[in-house]
Amino acid sequence: MPDRPPLTLGIEEEYLIVDVETRELVREPHPDFLKKCKKKIGDRVTNEFLQCQIEVGTRPHAVVGDAIADLRALRDCVANTAKPFGYAPIAASTHPFSRWRQQTNTKKPRYEGLKSDLGQAVRRMLIGGMHIHIGIEDDDLRIDLMNQMSYFLPHLLALSCSSPFWEGEDTGLASYRLTVFDALPRTGLPDMLNSHAEYTRLVEHLVASECIEDATKIWWDIRPSDKFPTLEQRVTDVCPRLRDAAAIAALYQSLIAYLYRLKARNQRWRIYPRIMIMENRWRAQRYGARGKLVDHGRSRLTPFAELIEELIDLVSMESEVLGCAAELRHLREIARTGTSSDRQREAFEAGGSTAVVDQLVAEFRE
């Protein structure tokens, strides 16, 4: 792959903070908790819209294994800092029983503005995700790869599902998080764009119309980051187990490298109508890794495990070059045994909602 961009990656995770005795979310964590986290890892930890949430982000890394080592250190810092306060972080996209109406939002101008602009839709954002950035300096290349990568977003989602419960009820979905998030404007699959200039004009139009202040309020499943020269996928739930996060990161990085290889050969991945990708997005949201997605090339529903085997084969060369082949192979285990949503349901059957929280706390430190 001559002249391939370095495709460095960084990972952001959003955590929920629970009380280790009640297993409820901590409505208003002690101010010293975040201060002590920041003292240890600086601006790589930030608060989120709700006070019961925090976000961490790795530095850019060339290799998935290094990014995961960085993420492990961040998780250890948050967990160790939380312990003396009687708190514990969980990496799940919803809490199994805490209620959004009982939470308080963080007092920041940006968050107060969101609360004012978006009403109840944003006040119930008791959800967390995992965002993965891939470094791509060329503006037009980011847009081109974004268009093609949209096909694979349902596959990434299916591998990550960790939000089956909402306010004490089993939603029947593997990822209820997206049901909540999709209530916001400017979410879902991105528009198909011909160039970065077209994207810039779109943003400028929304800003001039006083709909948004900047591109950070475009919350697509995948987008050009407004802060970094990266292509940021945002469709995935946050994974309780680091090895699952590593496998998803390896697949995303390898797919971007594969699509670039096609481009270098004057080829590209077929662009399908939005409704076809949205069908798979829904199926991933509903069934996770134990369901079926549509193989649009063959026009048939296909067990997800079969599709994973095809994807591993598709990007095998890229994963070897990028040094993430071992992480990529773990996708088979996720497809075989299921995601966190499946494990959470098993824990609930065995011990109820508190057992789910205990499992998530334990998996955070695995």
Protein backbone atom coordinates (compact mmCIF):
# COMPACT_ATOMS: atom_id res chain seq x y z
CA MET A 1 0.00 0.00 0.00
CA PRO A 2 2.35 2.74 -1.19
CA ASP A 3 1.90 6.21 0.32
CA ARG A 4 -0.84 4.97 2.62
CA PRO A 5 -1.69 7.47 5.37
CA PRO A 6 -0.37 6.38 8.78
CA LEU A 7 -3.96 5.80 10.01
CA THR A 8 -3.11 6.48 13.63
CA LEU A 9 -5.98 5.86 15.99
CA GLY A 10 -7.29 7.26 19.23
CA ILE A 11 -10.14 5.95 21.37
CA GLU A 12 -12.62 7.85 23.53
CA GLU A 13 -14.84 6.10 26.07
CA GLU A 14 -17.70 7.43 28.17
CA TYR A 15 -18.22 5.87 31.60
CA LEU A 16 -21.04 5.87 34.12
CA ILE A 17 -20.13 6.29 37.79
CA VAL A 18 -21.98 4.05 40.25
CA ASP A 19 -22.19 3.86 44.04
CA VAL A 20 -20.64 0.53 45.02
CA GLU A 21 -23.18 -0.03 47.83
CA THR A 22 -26.46 0.91 46.15
CA ARG A 23 -25.29 0.22 42.56
CA GLU A 24 -27.23 3.37 41.60
CA LEU A 25 -25.62 6.10 39.56
CA VAL A 26 -23.92 8.81 41.57
CA ARG A 27 -26.14 11.81 40.94
CA GLU A 28 -23.57 14.42 41.99
CA PRO A 29 -20.06 12.99 42.43
CA HIS A 30 -17.81 14.79 44.91
CA PRO A 31 -15.95 17.61 43.08
CA ASP A 32 -12.64 16.17 44.25
CA PHE A 33 -13.23 12.99 42.25
CA LEU A 34 -12.84 14.66 38.86
CA LYS A 35 -10.14 16.99 40.21
CA LYS A 36 -8.03 14.03 41.31
CA CYS A 37 -8.56 12.27 37.97
CA LYS A 38 -7.42 15.41 36.16
CA LYS A 39 -4.40 15.72 38.44
CA LYS A 40 -3.29 12.25 37.33
CA ILE A 41 -4.13 12.29 33.61
CA GLY A 42 -4.82 15.93 32.79
CA ASP A 43 -7.23 16.89 30.03
CA ARG A 44 -7.52 13.28 28.87
CA VAL A 45 -10.46 13.02 31.29
CA THR A 46 -13.45 15.37 31.11
CA ASN A 47 -16.94 15.61 32.51
CA GLU A 48 -19.98 14.96 30.35
CA PHE A 49 -23.49 16.38 30.02
CA LEU A 50 -24.70 14.49 33.10
CA GLN A 51 -22.65 14.60 36.30
CA CYS A 52 -22.78 10.81 36.65
CA GLN A 53 -20.67 10.49 33.47
CA ILE A 54 -17.06 11.11 32.54
CA GLU A 55 -15.11 10.68 29.31
CA VAL A 56 -11.52 9.60 28.71
CA GLY A 57 -9.46 9.72 25.54
CA THR A 58 -6.18 8.11 24.53
CA ARG A 59 -3.36 9.78 22.69
CA PRO A 60 -2.93 8.94 18.98
CA HIS A 61 -1.21 5.60 18.37
CA ALA A 62 -0.06 3.76 15.27
CA VAL A 63 -0.90 0.31 16.66
CA VAL A 64 -4.13 -0.89 18.25
CA GLY A 65 -2.27 -2.67 21.03
CA ASP A 66 -0.61 0.58 22.11
CA ALA A 67 -3.93 2.43 22.08
CA ILE A 68 -5.49 -0.28 24.25
CA ALA A 69 -2.56 -0.17 26.69
CA ASP A 70 -3.13 3.58 26.95
CA LEU A 71 -6.86 3.01 27.47
CA ARG A 72 -6.16 0.40 30.14
CA ALA A 73 -4.05 2.92 32.05
CA LEU A 74 -6.87 5.47 31.82
CA ARG A 75 -9.39 2.93 33.09
CA ASP A 76 -7.09 2.01 35.98
CA CYS A 77 -6.70 5.67 36.91
CA VAL A 78 -10.45 6.32 36.95
CA ALA A 79 -11.20 3.12 38.90
CA ASN A 80 -8.44 3.68 41.45
CA THR A 81 -9.44 7.30 41.96
CA ALA A 82 -13.10 6.37 42.35
CA LYS A 83 -12.52 3.68 44.98
CA PRO A 84 -11.87 5.92 48.05
CA PHE A 85 -15.09 7.81 47.30
CA GLY A 86 -17.11 4.59 47.28
CA TYR A 87 -17.61 4.83 43.52
CA ALA A 88 -16.87 2.52 40.61
CA PRO A 89 -16.92 3.22 36.86
CA ILE A 90 -18.74 1.00 34.39
CA ALA A 91 -18.21 0.92 30.62
CA ALA A 92 -21.79 0.22 29.54
CA SER A 93 -23.94 2.40 27.33
CA THR A 94 -26.91 2.39 29.73
CA HIS A 95 -27.35 1.69 33.43
CA PRO A 96 -29.66 -1.26 34.09
CA PHE A 97 -32.06 0.57 36.43
CA SER A 98 -31.13 4.18 37.33
CA ARG A 99 -33.53 6.83 36.00
CA TRP A 100 -32.63 9.80 33.85
CA ARG A 101 -35.06 12.13 35.62
CA GLN A 102 -33.06 11.71 38.83
CA GLN A 103 -29.76 12.86 37.27
CA THR A 104 -28.31 16.38 37.21
CA ASN A 105 -26.52 17.99 34.29
CA THR A 106 -23.05 19.50 34.49
CA LYS A 107 -23.06 23.28 34.87
CA LYS A 108 -21.19 24.39 31.77
CA PRO A 109 -22.32 26.97 29.20
CA ARG A 110 -22.24 24.38 26.41
CA TYR A 111 -24.33 21.89 28.38
CA GLU A 112 -26.77 24.55 29.58
CA GLY A 113 -27.17 25.57 25.95
CA LEU A 114 -27.90 22.00 24.90
CA LYS A 115 -30.46 21.68 27.68
CA SER A 116 -32.16 24.87 26.55
CA ASP A 117 -32.04 24.08 22.81
CA LEU A 118 -32.95 20.39 22.83
CA GLY A 119 -35.32 20.01 25.77
CA GLN A 120 -36.17 16.58 27.13
CA ALA A 121 -34.44 14.86 24.21
CA VAL A 122 -31.05 15.82 25.65
CA ARG A 123 -32.02 15.64 29.32
CA ARG A 124 -32.51 11.88 28.96
CA MET A 125 -29.05 11.32 27.44
CA LEU A 126 -28.18 8.80 30.15
CA ILE A 127 -26.03 6.92 27.65
CA GLY A 128 -22.36 6.51 26.78
CA GLY A 129 -20.49 5.47 23.68
CA MET A 130 -17.08 4.59 22.29
CA HIS A 131 -15.64 6.83 19.58
CA ILE A 132 -12.64 5.80 17.50
CA HIS A 133 -10.64 8.35 15.52
CA ILE A 134 -8.48 7.40 12.53
CA GLY A 135 -5.92 10.00 11.46
CA ILE A 136 -6.33 11.06 7.81
CA GLU A 137 -4.72 14.37 6.90
CA ASP A 138 -6.26 14.76 3.44
CA ASP A 139 -9.66 16.47 3.71
CA ASP A 140 -11.22 14.96 0.59
CA LEU A 141 -9.90 11.50 1.43
CA ARG A 142 -11.69 11.67 4.80
CA ILE A 143 -14.99 12.39 3.05
CA ASP A 144 -14.45 9.70 0.41
CA LEU A 145 -13.66 7.05 3.02
CA MET A 146 -16.56 8.21 5.21
CA ASN A 147 -18.99 7.56 2.36
CA GLN A 148 -17.69 4.04 1.83
CA MET A 149 -17.21 3.18 5.51
CA SER A 150 -20.89 3.82 6.24
CA TYR A 151 -21.68 0.35 4.86
CA PHE A 152 -19.77 -1.28 7.72
CA LEU A 153 -21.11 0.79 10.62
CA PRO A 154 -23.89 -1.72 11.46
CA HIS A 155 -21.24 -4.43 11.77
CA LEU A 156 -19.27 -2.32 14.26
CA LEU A 157 -22.45 -1.61 16.21
CA ALA A 158 -23.45 -5.28 16.37
CA LEU A 159 -20.07 -6.14 17.91
CA SER A 160 -20.33 -3.52 20.64
CA CYS A 161 -23.87 -3.69 22.04
CA SER A 162 -24.00 -3.03 25.80
CA SER A 163 -27.35 -1.32 26.45
CA PRO A 164 -30.21 -3.82 26.72
CA PHE A 165 -31.82 -2.28 29.83
CA TRP A 166 -33.47 1.09 30.41
CA GLU A 167 -34.81 2.19 33.80
CA GLY A 168 -35.19 -1.36 35.08
CA GLU A 169 -36.78 -2.87 31.98
CA ASP A 170 -35.40 -5.16 29.32
CA THR A 171 -35.95 -3.18 26.13
CA GLY A 172 -35.69 -6.19 23.84
CA LEU A 173 -32.88 -4.38 22.03
CA ALA A 174 -29.17 -5.10 22.19
CA SER A 175 -28.38 -1.37 21.87
CA TYR A 176 -31.10 0.82 23.35
CA ARG A 177 -28.57 3.66 23.43
CA LEU A 178 -29.19 4.52 19.79
CA THR A 179 -32.95 4.74 20.40
CA VAL A 180 -32.21 7.50 22.90
CA PHE A 181 -29.49 9.20 20.87
CA ASP A 182 -31.48 9.25 17.63
CA ALA A 183 -33.96 11.63 19.26
CA LEU A 184 -31.36 14.38 18.79
CA PRO A 185 -31.10 16.25 15.49
CA ARG A 186 -28.25 15.67 13.03
CA THR A 187 -27.70 12.05 14.09
CA GLY A 188 -27.66 8.72 12.23
CA LEU A 189 -25.90 7.96 8.98
CA PRO A 190 -24.08 10.86 7.31
CA ASP A 191 -25.16 12.44 4.07
CA MET A 192 -23.31 11.21 1.00
CA LEU A 193 -20.94 14.03 0.06
CA ASN A 194 -18.79 14.57 -3.02
CA SER A 195 -15.99 16.54 -1.38
CA HIS A 196 -14.80 18.22 1.77
CA ALA A 197 -15.82 21.53 0.21
CA GLU A 198 -19.39 20.28 0.03
CA TYR A 199 -19.21 19.27 3.69
CA THR A 200 -17.85 22.72 4.58
CA ARG A 201 -20.70 24.39 2.71
CA LEU A 202 -23.21 22.24 4.57
CA VAL A 203 -21.73 23.25 7.94
CA GLU A 204 -21.55 26.92 6.92
CA HIS A 205 -25.20 26.84 5.88
CA LEU A 206 -26.28 25.45 9.25
CA VAL A 207 -24.13 28.00 11.09
CA ALA A 208 -25.41 30.91 8.99
CA SER A 209 -28.97 29.72 9.60
CA GLU A 210 -28.24 29.82 13.36
CA CYS A 211 -29.04 26.13 13.74
CA ILE A 212 -25.61 25.27 15.15
CA GLU A 213 -22.50 27.14 16.29
CA ASP A 214 -20.02 24.74 14.72
CA ALA A 215 -19.57 21.24 13.32
CA THR A 216 -19.26 19.63 16.76
CA LYS A 217 -23.07 19.63 16.86
CA ILE A 218 -23.29 17.33 13.86
CA TRP A 219 -23.57 13.99 15.63
CA TRP A 220 -23.47 11.53 12.74
CA ASP A 221 -22.52 7.87 13.26
CA ILE A 222 -19.30 8.73 11.45
CA ARG A 223 -17.99 12.22 10.76
CA PRO A 224 -14.91 14.29 10.02
CA SER A 225 -13.80 15.45 13.45
CA ASP A 226 -13.98 19.20 13.96
CA LYS A 227 -11.08 19.07 16.43
CA PHE A 228 -8.61 16.74 14.75
CA PRO A 229 -7.73 15.65 11.18
CA THR A 230 -9.49 12.35 11.80
CA LEU A 231 -12.45 10.28 10.65
CA GLU A 232 -14.41 9.55 13.81
CA GLN A 233 -16.80 6.61 14.08
CA ARG A 234 -19.41 7.17 16.79
CA VAL A 235 -21.94 4.38 16.21
CA THR A 236 -20.58 1.91 18.77
CA ASP A 237 -21.67 1.30 22.33
CA VAL A 238 -18.90 1.39 24.90
CA CYS A 239 -17.53 -2.09 25.67
CA PRO A 240 -17.13 -3.33 29.26
CA ARG A 241 -14.24 -5.61 28.21
CA LEU A 242 -11.12 -4.03 26.79
CA ARG A 243 -10.43 -6.97 24.50
CA ASP A 244 -13.76 -6.37 22.77
CA ALA A 245 -12.89 -2.70 22.30
CA ALA A 246 -9.53 -3.75 20.88
CA ALA A 247 -11.16 -6.07 18.33
CA ILE A 248 -13.55 -3.35 17.16
CA ALA A 249 -10.74 -0.81 16.90
CA ALA A 250 -8.71 -3.31 14.86
CA LEU A 251 -11.62 -3.88 12.48
CA TYR A 252 -12.24 -0.15 12.01
CA GLN A 253 -8.57 0.65 11.36
CA SER A 254 -8.18 -2.33 9.02
CA LEU A 255 -11.33 -1.48 7.06
CA ILE A 256 -10.14 2.09 6.52
CA ALA A 257 -6.80 0.72 5.29
CA TYR A 258 -8.62 -1.72 3.00
CA LEU A 259 -10.78 1.03 1.50
CA TYR A 260 -7.67 3.10 0.92
CA ARG A 261 -6.07 0.15 -0.89
CA LEU A 262 -9.10 -0.02 -3.17
CA LYS A 263 -8.79 3.69 -3.88
CA ALA A 264 -5.10 3.29 -4.75
CA ARG A 265 -6.22 0.76 -7.39
CA ASN A 266 -8.93 3.04 -8.80
CA GLN A 267 -11.58 0.91 -7.11
CA ARG A 268 -14.08 1.58 -4.35
CA TRP A 269 -16.70 -0.08 -2.15
CA ARG A 270 -20.18 0.11 -3.62
CA ILE A 271 -22.37 2.90 -2.21
CA TYR A 272 -25.78 1.47 -1.31
CA PRO A 273 -29.01 3.42 -0.75
CA ARG A 274 -29.34 4.79 2.77
CA ILE A 275 -32.43 2.70 3.54
CA MET A 276 -30.43 -0.49 2.99
CA ILE A 277 -27.71 0.52 5.45
CA MET A 278 -30.35 1.72 7.91
CA GLU A 279 -31.99 -1.71 7.77
CA ASN A 280 -28.75 -3.32 8.92
CA ARG A 281 -28.26 -0.57 11.51
CA TRP A 282 -31.66 -1.45 12.96
CA ARG A 283 -30.97 -5.19 12.90
CA ALA A 284 -27.64 -4.65 14.68
CA GLN A 285 -29.38 -2.45 17.24
CA ARG A 286 -32.09 -5.04 17.81
CA TYR A 287 -30.17 -8.32 17.77
CA GLY A 288 -26.47 -7.51 18.27
CA ALA A 289 -23.88 -10.12 17.33
CA ARG A 290 -26.25 -13.09 17.64
CA GLY A 291 -28.58 -11.98 14.89
CA LYS A 292 -28.41 -11.67 11.13
CA LEU A 293 -27.55 -8.76 8.87
CA VAL A 294 -28.40 -8.36 5.22
CA ASP A 295 -25.57 -9.25 2.86
CA HIS A 296 -26.49 -6.58 0.33
CA GLY A 297 -24.24 -8.06 -2.33
CA ARG A 298 -26.25 -11.30 -2.20
CA SER A 299 -29.58 -9.77 -1.08
CA ARG A 300 -30.06 -12.22 1.77
CA LEU A 301 -30.04 -12.30 5.55
CA THR A 302 -26.80 -13.86 6.76
CA PRO A 303 -25.79 -15.01 10.26
CA PHE A 304 -23.50 -12.40 11.74
CA ALA A 305 -20.80 -14.98 12.47
CA GLU A 306 -20.53 -15.71 8.73
CA LEU A 307 -20.19 -12.02 7.93
CA ILE A 308 -17.43 -11.67 10.51
CA GLU A 309 -15.47 -14.49 8.90
CA GLU A 310 -15.78 -12.70 5.56
CA LEU A 311 -14.63 -9.40 7.09
CA ILE A 312 -11.63 -10.99 8.78
CA ASP A 313 -10.65 -12.52 5.45
CA LEU A 314 -11.29 -9.25 3.63
CA VAL A 315 -8.91 -7.19 5.78
CA SER A 316 -6.41 -9.90 6.72
CA MET A 317 -3.56 -8.28 4.80
CA GLU A 318 -4.28 -4.87 6.32
CA SER A 319 -4.42 -6.27 9.85
CA GLU A 320 -1.02 -7.93 9.41
CA VAL A 321 0.56 -4.72 8.10
CA LEU A 322 -1.02 -2.64 10.86
CA GLY A 323 -0.02 -5.11 13.58
CA CYS A 324 -3.56 -5.84 14.82
CA ALA A 325 -4.22 -9.35 13.45
CA ALA A 326 -4.41 -10.90 16.92
CA GLU A 327 -6.95 -8.33 18.09
CA LEU A 328 -8.96 -8.80 14.91
CA ARG A 329 -9.27 -12.54 15.46
CA HIS A 330 -11.13 -11.89 18.73
CA LEU A 331 -14.10 -10.85 16.60
CA ARG A 332 -14.87 -14.55 16.21
CA GLU A 333 -15.27 -14.89 19.97
CA ILE A 334 -17.69 -11.95 20.12
CA ALA A 335 -19.74 -13.39 17.26
CA ARG A 336 -19.78 -16.81 18.93
CA THR A 337 -20.55 -15.87 22.54
CA GLY A 338 -22.35 -12.56 22.12
CA THR A 339 -21.80 -9.04 23.39
CA SER A 340 -22.18 -7.40 26.78
CA SER A 341 -25.93 -7.19 26.20
CA ASP A 342 -26.11 -10.98 26.16
CA ARG A 343 -23.97 -11.28 29.29
CA GLN A 344 -26.03 -8.64 31.07
CA ARG A 345 -29.23 -10.55 30.40
CA GLU A 346 -27.63 -13.73 31.73
CA ALA A 347 -26.52 -11.87 34.88
CA PHE A 348 -30.01 -10.46 35.33
CA GLU A 349 -31.56 -13.94 35.11
CA ALA A 350 -29.13 -15.17 37.74
CA GLY A 351 -29.26 -12.30 40.21
CA GLY A 352 -31.31 -9.34 39.09
CA SER A 353 -30.28 -5.78 38.29
CA THR A 354 -27.66 -5.45 41.00
CA ALA A 355 -25.90 -8.53 39.64
CA VAL A 356 -25.72 -6.77 36.26
CA VAL A 357 -23.97 -3.78 37.84
CA ASP A 358 -21.57 -6.05 39.73
CA GLN A 359 -20.69 -7.81 36.50
CA LEU A 360 -20.04 -4.50 34.72
CA VAL A 361 -17.85 -3.26 37.56
CA ALA A 362 -15.81 -6.46 37.43
CA GLU A 363 -15.46 -6.42 33.63
CA PHE A 364 -14.23 -2.83 33.68
CA ARG A 365 -11.08 -4.03 35.44
CA GLU A 366 -10.55 -7.29 33.53
